[in-house]
N, C-alpha and C. Protein backbone atom coordinates (compact mmCIF):
# COMPACT_ATOMS: atom_id res chain seq x y z
N MET A 1 101.07 91.30 109.31
CA MET A 1 101.30 92.57 108.85
C MET A 1 100.14 93.10 107.89
N CYS A 2 99.27 92.09 107.29
CA CYS A 2 98.24 92.50 106.44
C CYS A 2 97.11 93.18 107.50
N SER A 3 96.81 92.57 108.48
CA SER A 3 96.06 93.21 109.50
C SER A 3 96.41 94.60 110.02
N TYR A 4 97.65 94.58 110.22
CA TYR A 4 98.08 95.97 110.86
C TYR A 4 98.11 97.06 109.73
N THR A 5 98.44 96.54 108.51
CA THR A 5 98.17 97.59 107.45
C THR A 5 96.80 98.00 107.31
N ALA A 6 95.84 96.83 107.23
CA ALA A 6 94.48 97.15 107.10
C ALA A 6 93.81 98.06 108.27
N ALA A 7 94.48 98.02 109.47
CA ALA A 7 93.95 98.84 110.70
C ALA A 7 94.41 100.27 110.39
N TYR A 8 95.73 100.49 109.94
CA TYR A 8 96.15 101.73 109.52
C TYR A 8 95.42 102.48 108.45
N TYR A 9 94.98 101.70 107.67
CA TYR A 9 94.04 102.48 106.39
C TYR A 9 92.82 102.69 106.80
N ILE A 10 92.32 101.92 107.80
CA ILE A 10 90.94 102.27 108.41
C ILE A 10 91.14 103.67 109.20
N ILE A 11 92.22 103.69 109.91
CA ILE A 11 92.35 104.84 110.83
C ILE A 11 92.37 106.19 109.83
N VAL A 12 93.23 106.09 108.77
CA VAL A 12 93.33 107.24 107.81
C VAL A 12 92.37 107.41 106.84
N GLN A 13 91.43 106.37 106.87
CA GLN A 13 90.18 106.43 105.99
C GLN A 13 90.58 106.18 104.44
N ARG A 14 91.43 105.52 104.36
CA ARG A 14 91.95 104.99 103.00
C ARG A 14 91.34 103.73 102.56
N PRO A 15 90.94 103.64 101.37
CA PRO A 15 90.34 102.32 101.05
C PRO A 15 91.34 101.11 101.06
N ILE A 16 90.85 99.90 101.46
CA ILE A 16 91.76 98.90 101.38
C ILE A 16 91.40 98.02 100.03
N ASN A 17 92.42 98.01 99.19
CA ASN A 17 92.26 97.46 97.84
C ASN A 17 93.54 96.85 97.60
N PHE A 18 93.62 96.39 96.13
CA PHE A 18 94.81 95.61 95.66
C PHE A 18 96.15 96.39 95.82
N ASN A 19 95.95 97.74 95.38
CA ASN A 19 97.06 98.49 95.42
C ASN A 19 97.73 98.89 96.74
N SER A 20 96.74 99.30 97.67
CA SER A 20 97.15 99.51 99.18
C SER A 20 97.70 98.34 99.98
N MET A 21 97.22 97.12 99.55
CA MET A 21 97.54 95.99 100.29
C MET A 21 98.79 95.13 99.47
N ALA A 22 99.21 95.71 98.55
CA ALA A 22 100.40 95.10 97.77
C ALA A 22 101.63 94.95 98.66
N TRP A 23 102.37 93.99 98.47
CA TRP A 23 103.64 93.80 99.45
C TRP A 23 104.54 95.06 99.42
N ASN A 24 104.63 95.65 98.42
CA ASN A 24 105.59 96.83 98.32
C ASN A 24 105.10 97.91 99.25
N CYS A 25 103.92 97.86 99.69
CA CYS A 25 103.07 98.88 100.68
C CYS A 25 103.25 98.34 101.96
N ILE A 26 102.80 96.92 102.01
CA ILE A 26 102.71 96.26 103.49
C ILE A 26 104.15 96.15 104.09
N LYS A 27 105.07 96.10 103.41
CA LYS A 27 106.49 95.67 103.94
C LYS A 27 106.85 96.94 104.88
N HIS A 28 106.58 98.10 104.55
CA HIS A 28 106.64 99.45 105.12
C HIS A 28 106.17 99.46 106.53
N PHE A 29 105.12 98.80 106.85
CA PHE A 29 104.45 98.60 108.24
C PHE A 29 105.26 98.03 109.31
N GLN A 30 106.20 97.22 108.64
CA GLN A 30 107.08 96.60 109.63
C GLN A 30 107.76 97.85 110.52
N TYR A 31 108.19 98.86 109.66
CA TYR A 31 108.97 99.87 110.36
C TYR A 31 107.98 100.69 111.23
N LEU A 32 106.62 100.91 110.72
CA LEU A 32 105.86 101.74 111.62
C LEU A 32 105.61 100.92 113.09
N LYS A 33 105.27 99.63 112.80
CA LYS A 33 105.14 98.71 114.00
C LYS A 33 106.34 98.96 114.91
N ALA A 34 107.51 98.84 114.39
CA ALA A 34 108.73 98.83 115.24
C ALA A 34 108.87 100.29 115.87
N ILE A 35 108.53 101.40 115.09
CA ILE A 35 108.59 102.58 115.74
C ILE A 35 107.63 102.89 116.84
N VAL A 36 106.25 102.27 116.59
CA VAL A 36 105.37 102.38 117.72
C VAL A 36 105.68 101.56 119.15
N ILE A 37 106.54 100.40 118.72
CA ILE A 37 106.78 99.62 119.90
C ILE A 37 108.01 100.37 120.66
N ILE A 38 108.92 101.13 120.08
CA ILE A 38 110.13 101.75 120.91
C ILE A 38 109.50 103.14 120.99
N GLN A 39 108.50 103.57 120.78
CA GLN A 39 108.08 104.97 121.05
C GLN A 39 107.95 105.24 122.60
N THR A 40 108.59 106.30 122.96
CA THR A 40 108.33 106.63 124.48
C THR A 40 107.83 108.03 124.63
N ASN A 41 106.86 108.26 125.50
CA ASN A 41 106.25 109.64 125.50
C ASN A 41 107.27 110.54 125.78
N PRO A 42 107.22 111.71 125.41
CA PRO A 42 108.17 112.87 125.78
C PRO A 42 108.02 113.17 127.23
N LYS A 43 109.26 113.89 127.62
CA LYS A 43 109.24 114.19 129.07
C LYS A 43 108.12 115.17 129.29
N ASP A 44 107.66 115.39 130.51
CA ASP A 44 106.60 116.22 130.94
C ASP A 44 107.02 117.74 130.39
N LEU A 45 106.05 118.65 130.06
CA LEU A 45 106.13 119.87 129.76
C LEU A 45 106.59 120.84 131.02
N PRO A 46 107.42 121.77 130.70
CA PRO A 46 107.79 122.65 131.76
C PRO A 46 106.47 123.51 132.12
N GLU A 47 106.48 124.07 133.37
CA GLU A 47 105.44 124.88 133.93
C GLU A 47 105.62 126.13 133.31
N ILE A 48 104.63 126.99 133.16
CA ILE A 48 104.59 128.44 132.70
C ILE A 48 105.28 129.08 133.71
N SER A 49 106.26 130.03 133.28
CA SER A 49 107.12 130.95 134.23
C SER A 49 107.51 132.16 133.35
N ARG A 50 108.29 132.73 134.00
CA ARG A 50 108.85 134.05 133.26
C ARG A 50 109.68 133.67 131.90
N LYS A 51 110.32 132.56 131.93
CA LYS A 51 110.91 132.07 130.84
C LYS A 51 110.03 131.40 129.80
N ILE A 52 109.00 130.68 130.27
CA ILE A 52 108.03 129.94 129.46
C ILE A 52 106.80 130.65 129.46
N THR A 53 106.56 131.62 128.47
CA THR A 53 105.46 132.36 128.32
C THR A 53 104.18 131.44 128.05
N ILE A 54 103.00 132.00 128.06
CA ILE A 54 101.92 131.21 127.56
C ILE A 54 102.09 130.79 126.01
N MET A 55 102.68 131.92 125.16
CA MET A 55 102.78 131.63 123.81
C MET A 55 103.78 130.55 123.40
N LYS A 56 104.85 130.42 124.24
CA LYS A 56 105.85 129.37 124.09
C LYS A 56 105.27 128.14 124.65
N ALA A 57 104.49 128.14 125.75
CA ALA A 57 103.90 126.87 126.23
C ALA A 57 102.99 126.30 125.13
N ILE A 58 102.07 127.27 124.54
CA ILE A 58 101.33 126.61 123.48
C ILE A 58 101.98 126.08 122.23
N GLU A 59 103.17 126.34 121.93
CA GLU A 59 103.99 125.92 120.82
C GLU A 59 104.60 124.55 121.46
N LEU A 60 104.88 124.58 122.70
CA LEU A 60 105.53 123.25 123.40
C LEU A 60 104.48 122.25 123.47
N ILE A 61 103.20 122.76 123.72
CA ILE A 61 102.10 121.59 123.83
C ILE A 61 101.78 121.03 122.40
N GLU A 62 101.73 122.00 121.34
CA GLU A 62 101.61 121.34 120.10
C GLU A 62 102.77 120.28 119.75
N GLU A 63 103.97 120.73 120.11
CA GLU A 63 105.04 119.58 119.75
C GLU A 63 104.94 118.42 120.63
N HIS A 64 104.70 118.59 121.84
CA HIS A 64 104.48 117.57 122.72
C HIS A 64 103.30 116.50 122.20
N LEU A 65 102.18 117.03 121.92
CA LEU A 65 101.12 116.19 121.44
C LEU A 65 101.46 115.50 120.08
N ARG A 66 102.47 115.88 119.39
CA ARG A 66 103.04 115.26 118.23
C ARG A 66 103.80 113.86 118.86
N GLY A 67 104.23 113.93 119.73
CA GLY A 67 105.25 112.78 120.34
C GLY A 67 104.32 111.74 121.27
N VAL A 68 103.17 112.14 121.56
CA VAL A 68 102.24 111.33 122.55
C VAL A 68 101.24 110.62 121.71
N LEU A 69 101.30 109.18 121.75
CA LEU A 69 100.27 108.56 120.87
C LEU A 69 99.19 108.25 121.74
N GLY A 70 98.07 108.14 120.99
CA GLY A 70 96.81 107.98 121.71
C GLY A 70 96.25 106.47 121.60
N THR A 71 95.07 106.20 121.86
CA THR A 71 94.62 104.93 122.01
C THR A 71 94.82 104.06 120.80
N THR A 72 94.83 104.67 119.53
CA THR A 72 95.15 103.89 118.30
C THR A 72 96.37 104.06 117.84
N ASN A 73 97.27 104.54 118.47
CA ASN A 73 98.75 104.79 118.27
C ASN A 73 98.89 105.94 117.18
N VAL A 74 97.96 106.89 117.28
CA VAL A 74 98.01 108.15 116.53
C VAL A 74 98.52 109.31 117.47
N PRO A 75 99.46 109.95 116.83
CA PRO A 75 99.94 111.28 117.73
C PRO A 75 98.70 112.06 118.22
N LEU A 76 98.61 112.49 119.47
CA LEU A 76 97.41 113.29 119.81
C LEU A 76 97.44 114.50 119.23
N ALA A 77 98.30 114.95 118.38
CA ALA A 77 98.15 116.17 117.74
C ALA A 77 97.17 116.26 116.67
N TYR A 78 96.34 115.17 116.26
CA TYR A 78 95.32 115.09 115.55
C TYR A 78 94.04 115.78 116.17
N ILE A 79 94.15 115.58 117.54
CA ILE A 79 92.93 116.35 118.22
C ILE A 79 92.98 117.77 118.12
N ILE A 80 94.08 118.37 117.79
CA ILE A 80 94.06 119.86 117.87
C ILE A 80 94.35 120.42 116.51
N ARG A 81 94.24 119.54 115.44
CA ARG A 81 94.51 120.10 114.10
C ARG A 81 93.31 121.22 113.87
N LYS A 82 93.46 122.10 112.86
CA LYS A 82 92.72 123.36 112.55
C LYS A 82 91.39 122.75 112.25
N GLU A 83 91.24 121.98 111.34
CA GLU A 83 90.07 121.52 110.75
C GLU A 83 89.60 119.95 111.43
N PRO A 84 88.35 119.94 111.99
CA PRO A 84 87.96 118.80 112.64
C PRO A 84 87.77 117.62 111.53
N ASP A 85 87.05 118.12 110.45
CA ASP A 85 86.75 117.25 109.37
C ASP A 85 88.11 117.01 108.44
N THR A 86 88.30 115.81 107.88
CA THR A 86 89.56 115.62 107.27
C THR A 86 89.44 116.21 105.77
N PRO A 87 90.22 117.11 105.51
CA PRO A 87 89.99 117.68 104.13
C PRO A 87 90.92 116.95 103.06
N VAL A 88 91.50 115.86 103.55
CA VAL A 88 92.26 115.06 102.52
C VAL A 88 91.26 114.10 102.07
N THR A 89 91.34 113.84 100.70
CA THR A 89 90.70 112.60 100.37
C THR A 89 91.54 111.64 99.48
N VAL A 90 91.21 110.65 99.09
CA VAL A 90 92.07 109.66 98.31
C VAL A 90 92.18 110.30 97.04
N ALA A 91 91.23 111.10 96.45
CA ALA A 91 91.43 111.61 95.04
C ALA A 91 92.69 112.68 95.16
N THR A 92 92.54 113.45 96.27
CA THR A 92 93.61 114.62 96.44
C THR A 92 94.81 114.14 96.86
N ASN A 93 94.91 112.97 97.51
CA ASN A 93 96.04 112.42 98.14
C ASN A 93 96.30 110.95 97.81
N PRO A 94 96.61 110.61 96.70
CA PRO A 94 97.04 109.22 96.14
C PRO A 94 98.15 108.60 96.91
N LEU A 95 98.12 107.41 97.16
CA LEU A 95 99.42 106.77 97.53
C LEU A 95 100.62 107.03 96.89
N ARG A 96 101.68 107.21 97.55
CA ARG A 96 102.98 107.37 96.87
C ARG A 96 103.48 105.96 96.15
N VAL A 97 104.34 106.11 95.17
CA VAL A 97 104.86 104.88 94.56
C VAL A 97 105.71 104.23 95.57
N ASP A 98 105.35 102.98 95.86
CA ASP A 98 106.02 102.15 96.84
C ASP A 98 106.19 102.57 98.31
N LEU A 99 105.18 103.55 98.67
CA LEU A 99 105.03 103.84 100.06
C LEU A 99 103.59 103.82 100.47
N PRO A 100 103.41 103.54 101.69
CA PRO A 100 102.16 103.20 102.18
C PRO A 100 101.23 104.51 102.50
N TYR A 101 101.86 105.61 102.31
CA TYR A 101 100.97 106.81 102.74
C TYR A 101 100.98 107.70 101.70
N GLY A 102 100.07 108.62 101.73
CA GLY A 102 99.72 109.72 100.68
C GLY A 102 100.76 110.64 100.20
N THR A 103 100.74 111.23 98.85
CA THR A 103 101.80 112.04 98.35
C THR A 103 101.71 113.39 99.19
N SER A 104 100.78 113.96 99.86
CA SER A 104 100.87 115.10 100.66
C SER A 104 101.63 114.93 101.97
N PHE A 105 101.96 113.84 102.23
CA PHE A 105 102.76 113.52 103.56
C PHE A 105 104.09 113.03 103.57
N ILE A 106 104.70 113.35 104.49
CA ILE A 106 106.13 112.77 104.72
C ILE A 106 106.41 111.72 105.46
N SER A 107 105.29 111.36 106.13
CA SER A 107 105.56 110.13 107.00
C SER A 107 104.16 109.60 107.53
N PHE A 108 104.18 108.44 108.03
CA PHE A 108 102.90 107.80 108.48
C PHE A 108 102.05 108.64 109.40
N TYR A 109 102.98 109.22 110.45
CA TYR A 109 102.40 110.20 111.61
C TYR A 109 101.70 111.46 110.96
N ASP A 110 102.30 111.86 109.89
CA ASP A 110 101.77 113.35 109.31
C ASP A 110 100.34 112.82 108.73
N GLU A 111 100.30 111.74 107.95
CA GLU A 111 99.05 111.27 107.48
C GLU A 111 98.10 110.92 108.55
N MET A 112 98.48 110.32 109.46
CA MET A 112 97.52 110.09 110.70
C MET A 112 96.94 111.25 111.35
N ILE A 113 97.89 112.19 111.70
CA ILE A 113 97.31 113.69 112.20
C ILE A 113 96.34 114.24 111.51
N ALA A 114 96.62 114.14 110.04
CA ALA A 114 95.84 115.01 109.03
C ALA A 114 94.45 114.31 108.87
N CYS A 115 94.44 112.87 108.93
CA CYS A 115 93.23 112.20 108.35
C CYS A 115 92.57 111.38 109.29
N THR A 116 93.00 111.20 110.58
CA THR A 116 92.11 110.53 111.69
C THR A 116 90.92 111.02 111.98
N ASP A 117 89.83 110.45 112.08
CA ASP A 117 88.46 110.85 112.31
C ASP A 117 88.30 111.46 113.66
N HIS A 118 87.68 112.53 113.82
CA HIS A 118 87.21 113.15 115.15
C HIS A 118 85.78 112.60 115.66
N SER A 119 85.71 111.13 115.75
CA SER A 119 84.59 110.77 116.23
C SER A 119 84.88 109.22 116.79
N GLY A 120 83.94 108.72 117.65
CA GLY A 120 84.14 107.34 118.18
C GLY A 120 84.77 107.36 119.63
N ALA A 121 84.91 106.40 120.11
CA ALA A 121 85.43 106.01 121.34
C ALA A 121 86.93 106.37 121.57
N SER A 122 87.57 106.06 120.43
CA SER A 122 89.15 106.25 120.53
C SER A 122 89.45 107.94 120.66
N TYR A 123 88.70 108.69 119.77
CA TYR A 123 88.62 110.05 119.75
C TYR A 123 88.17 110.59 121.13
N SER A 124 87.18 110.22 121.70
CA SER A 124 86.98 110.76 123.08
C SER A 124 87.94 110.51 123.97
N GLY A 125 88.57 109.22 124.00
CA GLY A 125 89.60 108.83 124.94
C GLY A 125 90.86 109.83 124.69
N ASP A 126 91.31 110.08 123.48
CA ASP A 126 92.33 110.80 123.16
C ASP A 126 92.14 112.39 123.47
N ASN A 127 90.83 112.83 123.37
CA ASN A 127 90.56 114.21 123.54
C ASN A 127 90.65 114.34 124.96
N ALA A 128 90.15 113.38 125.76
CA ALA A 128 90.37 113.38 127.20
C ALA A 128 91.80 113.54 127.68
N SER A 129 92.57 112.92 127.08
CA SER A 129 93.89 112.73 127.28
C SER A 129 94.61 114.19 127.08
N ALA A 130 94.41 114.71 125.91
CA ALA A 130 94.76 116.19 125.41
C ALA A 130 94.33 117.12 126.64
N LEU A 131 93.22 116.91 127.01
CA LEU A 131 92.86 117.92 128.12
C LEU A 131 93.54 117.73 129.34
N ASN A 132 93.94 116.51 129.70
CA ASN A 132 94.60 116.25 130.92
C ASN A 132 95.95 116.77 130.73
N ILE A 133 96.58 116.71 129.62
CA ILE A 133 97.97 117.33 129.45
C ILE A 133 97.79 118.87 129.48
N LEU A 134 96.83 119.49 129.09
CA LEU A 134 96.55 120.94 129.30
C LEU A 134 96.43 121.33 130.80
N VAL A 135 95.54 120.59 131.44
CA VAL A 135 95.41 120.80 132.79
C VAL A 135 96.61 120.67 133.60
N HIS A 136 97.49 119.59 133.32
CA HIS A 136 98.72 119.57 134.14
C HIS A 136 99.80 120.75 133.76
N VAL A 137 99.63 121.21 132.48
CA VAL A 137 100.65 122.46 132.14
C VAL A 137 100.12 123.74 132.68
N LEU A 138 98.87 123.87 132.75
CA LEU A 138 98.35 125.03 133.37
C LEU A 138 98.01 125.26 134.76
N LYS A 139 98.15 124.07 135.36
CA LYS A 139 97.66 124.06 136.91
C LYS A 139 98.46 125.16 137.66
N GLY A 140 97.63 125.82 138.39
CA GLY A 140 98.21 126.79 139.25
C GLY A 140 98.71 128.29 138.58
N THR A 141 98.09 128.40 137.44
CA THR A 141 98.45 129.66 136.63
C THR A 141 97.04 130.28 136.45
N SER A 142 97.25 131.72 136.06
CA SER A 142 95.87 132.37 135.61
C SER A 142 95.32 131.72 134.51
N PHE A 143 95.96 131.03 133.71
CA PHE A 143 95.42 130.49 132.26
C PHE A 143 94.62 129.26 132.61
N GLU A 144 94.71 128.71 133.81
CA GLU A 144 93.86 127.61 134.19
C GLU A 144 92.47 127.81 134.07
N VAL A 145 91.93 129.14 134.24
CA VAL A 145 90.61 129.28 134.30
C VAL A 145 90.06 129.38 132.77
N SER A 146 90.87 129.46 131.99
CA SER A 146 90.28 129.60 130.64
C SER A 146 89.86 128.17 129.95
N ILE A 147 90.43 126.93 130.61
CA ILE A 147 90.11 125.68 130.20
C ILE A 147 89.01 125.13 131.16
N GLN A 148 88.68 125.87 132.11
CA GLN A 148 87.81 125.29 132.98
C GLN A 148 86.30 124.85 132.39
N PRO A 149 85.73 125.66 131.26
CA PRO A 149 84.57 125.30 130.96
C PRO A 149 84.49 123.95 129.99
N PHE A 150 85.83 123.55 129.74
CA PHE A 150 85.93 122.32 128.76
C PHE A 150 86.12 121.11 129.65
N LYS A 151 86.38 121.12 130.98
CA LYS A 151 86.62 120.12 131.77
C LYS A 151 85.45 119.24 132.03
N ARG A 152 84.22 119.75 132.05
CA ARG A 152 83.16 118.87 132.16
C ARG A 152 82.78 117.96 131.07
N ASN A 153 83.06 118.42 129.76
CA ASN A 153 83.07 117.51 128.75
C ASN A 153 84.10 116.85 128.34
N THR A 154 85.26 117.00 129.08
CA THR A 154 86.54 116.57 128.62
C THR A 154 86.88 116.76 127.27
N ASP A 155 86.87 118.13 127.05
CA ASP A 155 87.16 118.54 125.68
C ASP A 155 88.48 119.24 125.36
N GLY A 156 89.53 118.28 125.14
CA GLY A 156 90.69 118.92 125.18
C GLY A 156 91.08 119.80 123.92
N ARG A 157 90.33 119.40 122.69
CA ARG A 157 90.39 120.10 121.52
C ARG A 157 89.82 121.50 121.68
N GLY A 158 88.72 121.54 122.28
CA GLY A 158 88.01 122.91 122.55
C GLY A 158 89.00 123.83 123.38
N ALA A 159 89.52 123.23 124.61
CA ALA A 159 90.14 123.86 125.42
C ALA A 159 91.49 124.42 124.73
N PHE A 160 92.34 123.58 123.99
CA PHE A 160 93.43 123.99 123.27
C PHE A 160 93.08 125.29 122.08
N LEU A 161 92.01 125.08 121.67
CA LEU A 161 91.66 126.02 120.55
C LEU A 161 91.31 127.17 121.18
N ASP A 162 90.58 127.25 122.22
CA ASP A 162 90.17 128.56 122.99
C ASP A 162 91.35 129.17 123.68
N LEU A 163 92.30 128.35 124.27
CA LEU A 163 93.52 129.01 124.84
C LEU A 163 94.40 129.43 123.76
N SER A 164 94.38 129.11 122.56
CA SER A 164 95.17 129.41 121.42
C SER A 164 94.54 130.78 120.82
N LYS A 165 93.31 130.69 120.88
CA LYS A 165 92.68 131.87 120.27
C LYS A 165 92.78 133.10 121.17
N HIS A 166 92.72 132.99 122.47
CA HIS A 166 92.82 134.07 123.33
C HIS A 166 94.26 134.44 123.61
N ASN A 167 95.23 133.74 123.40
CA ASN A 167 96.55 134.16 123.67
C ASN A 167 97.45 134.24 122.30
N LEU A 168 96.92 133.69 121.31
CA LEU A 168 97.80 133.85 120.13
C LEU A 168 96.95 134.67 119.02
N GLY A 169 95.75 134.89 119.27
CA GLY A 169 94.86 135.64 118.22
C GLY A 169 95.38 137.06 117.94
N SER A 170 94.87 137.67 116.96
CA SER A 170 95.29 139.05 116.58
C SER A 170 95.16 140.12 117.79
N ASN A 171 94.19 139.85 118.70
CA ASN A 171 94.11 140.77 119.80
C ASN A 171 95.56 140.68 120.80
N ARG A 172 96.03 139.47 120.98
CA ARG A 172 97.01 139.23 121.60
C ARG A 172 98.26 139.89 121.15
N TRP A 173 98.48 139.58 119.78
CA TRP A 173 99.59 140.37 119.22
C TRP A 173 99.40 141.96 119.18
N GLU A 174 98.43 142.40 118.97
CA GLU A 174 98.25 143.93 119.14
C GLU A 174 98.61 144.46 120.49
N SER A 175 98.25 143.50 121.44
CA SER A 175 98.67 143.95 123.07
C SER A 175 100.15 143.95 123.22
N VAL A 176 100.70 142.87 122.63
CA VAL A 176 102.17 142.65 122.59
C VAL A 176 102.92 143.81 121.89
N LEU A 177 102.42 144.19 120.70
CA LEU A 177 103.05 145.28 120.06
C LEU A 177 102.77 146.65 120.73
N GLU A 178 101.64 146.79 121.37
CA GLU A 178 101.49 148.22 122.22
C GLU A 178 102.47 148.16 123.40
N ARG A 179 102.78 146.88 124.08
CA ARG A 179 103.51 146.92 125.16
C ARG A 179 105.11 147.26 124.70
N ALA A 180 105.31 146.58 123.62
CA ALA A 180 106.73 146.96 123.03
C ALA A 180 106.89 148.47 122.68
N ASP A 181 105.92 148.93 122.05
CA ASP A 181 105.96 150.23 121.59
C ASP A 181 106.14 151.18 122.80
N HIS A 182 105.26 150.80 123.81
CA HIS A 182 105.42 151.67 124.96
C HIS A 182 106.75 151.62 125.77
N ILE A 183 107.51 150.40 125.74
CA ILE A 183 108.74 150.24 126.24
C ILE A 183 109.74 151.14 125.58
N VAL A 184 109.63 150.87 124.20
CA VAL A 184 110.49 151.69 123.39
C VAL A 184 110.53 153.20 123.45
N SER A 185 109.24 153.51 123.41
CA SER A 185 109.01 155.17 123.64
C SER A 185 109.40 155.66 125.05
N ASN A 186 109.45 154.93 125.87
CA ASN A 186 109.64 155.17 127.26
C ASN A 186 111.28 155.04 127.66
N THR A 187 111.91 154.45 126.81
CA THR A 187 113.27 154.34 126.92
C THR A 187 114.17 155.37 126.57
N ASP A 188 115.08 155.91 127.38
CA ASP A 188 115.89 157.22 126.89
C ASP A 188 117.31 156.69 126.56
């Protein structure tokens, strides 16, 4: 359990010291290990259709990535978090009393999503996995073109952020509002 605990702390960039390796923290990693063992990937995402719009699909992709574990058993949602650099530090996020993750988080997975580094081989593999999920969801739709530039570098993060920006950004909401206004004004 000590090596499992140390591996977790390395992933979330937390120092390994007397407090973090105390038994009252280490014992909680038995639960994390059990959760990872029984974790199953969520069902495949539905295809985009009239019922599943691109805006809904983006929400579903985010939720889906929280349930899919990457190469180091970190949910792939860390790939698409807004800030690539980890804004959380040990000073701003001390360990909870008798829990092995920081006060800013409600679970192991939340801390991993917020604190896992965006570099190295595991990030590259996870980034490619995120791109594969996007490719699968968007296959055969007009939105597939928007992720095409990211395929060469297998950049799932860039593809997701670009897809979100183009479909959830302020321009998108303005066009939705204009369409709704047009419908309302033309209804008798």
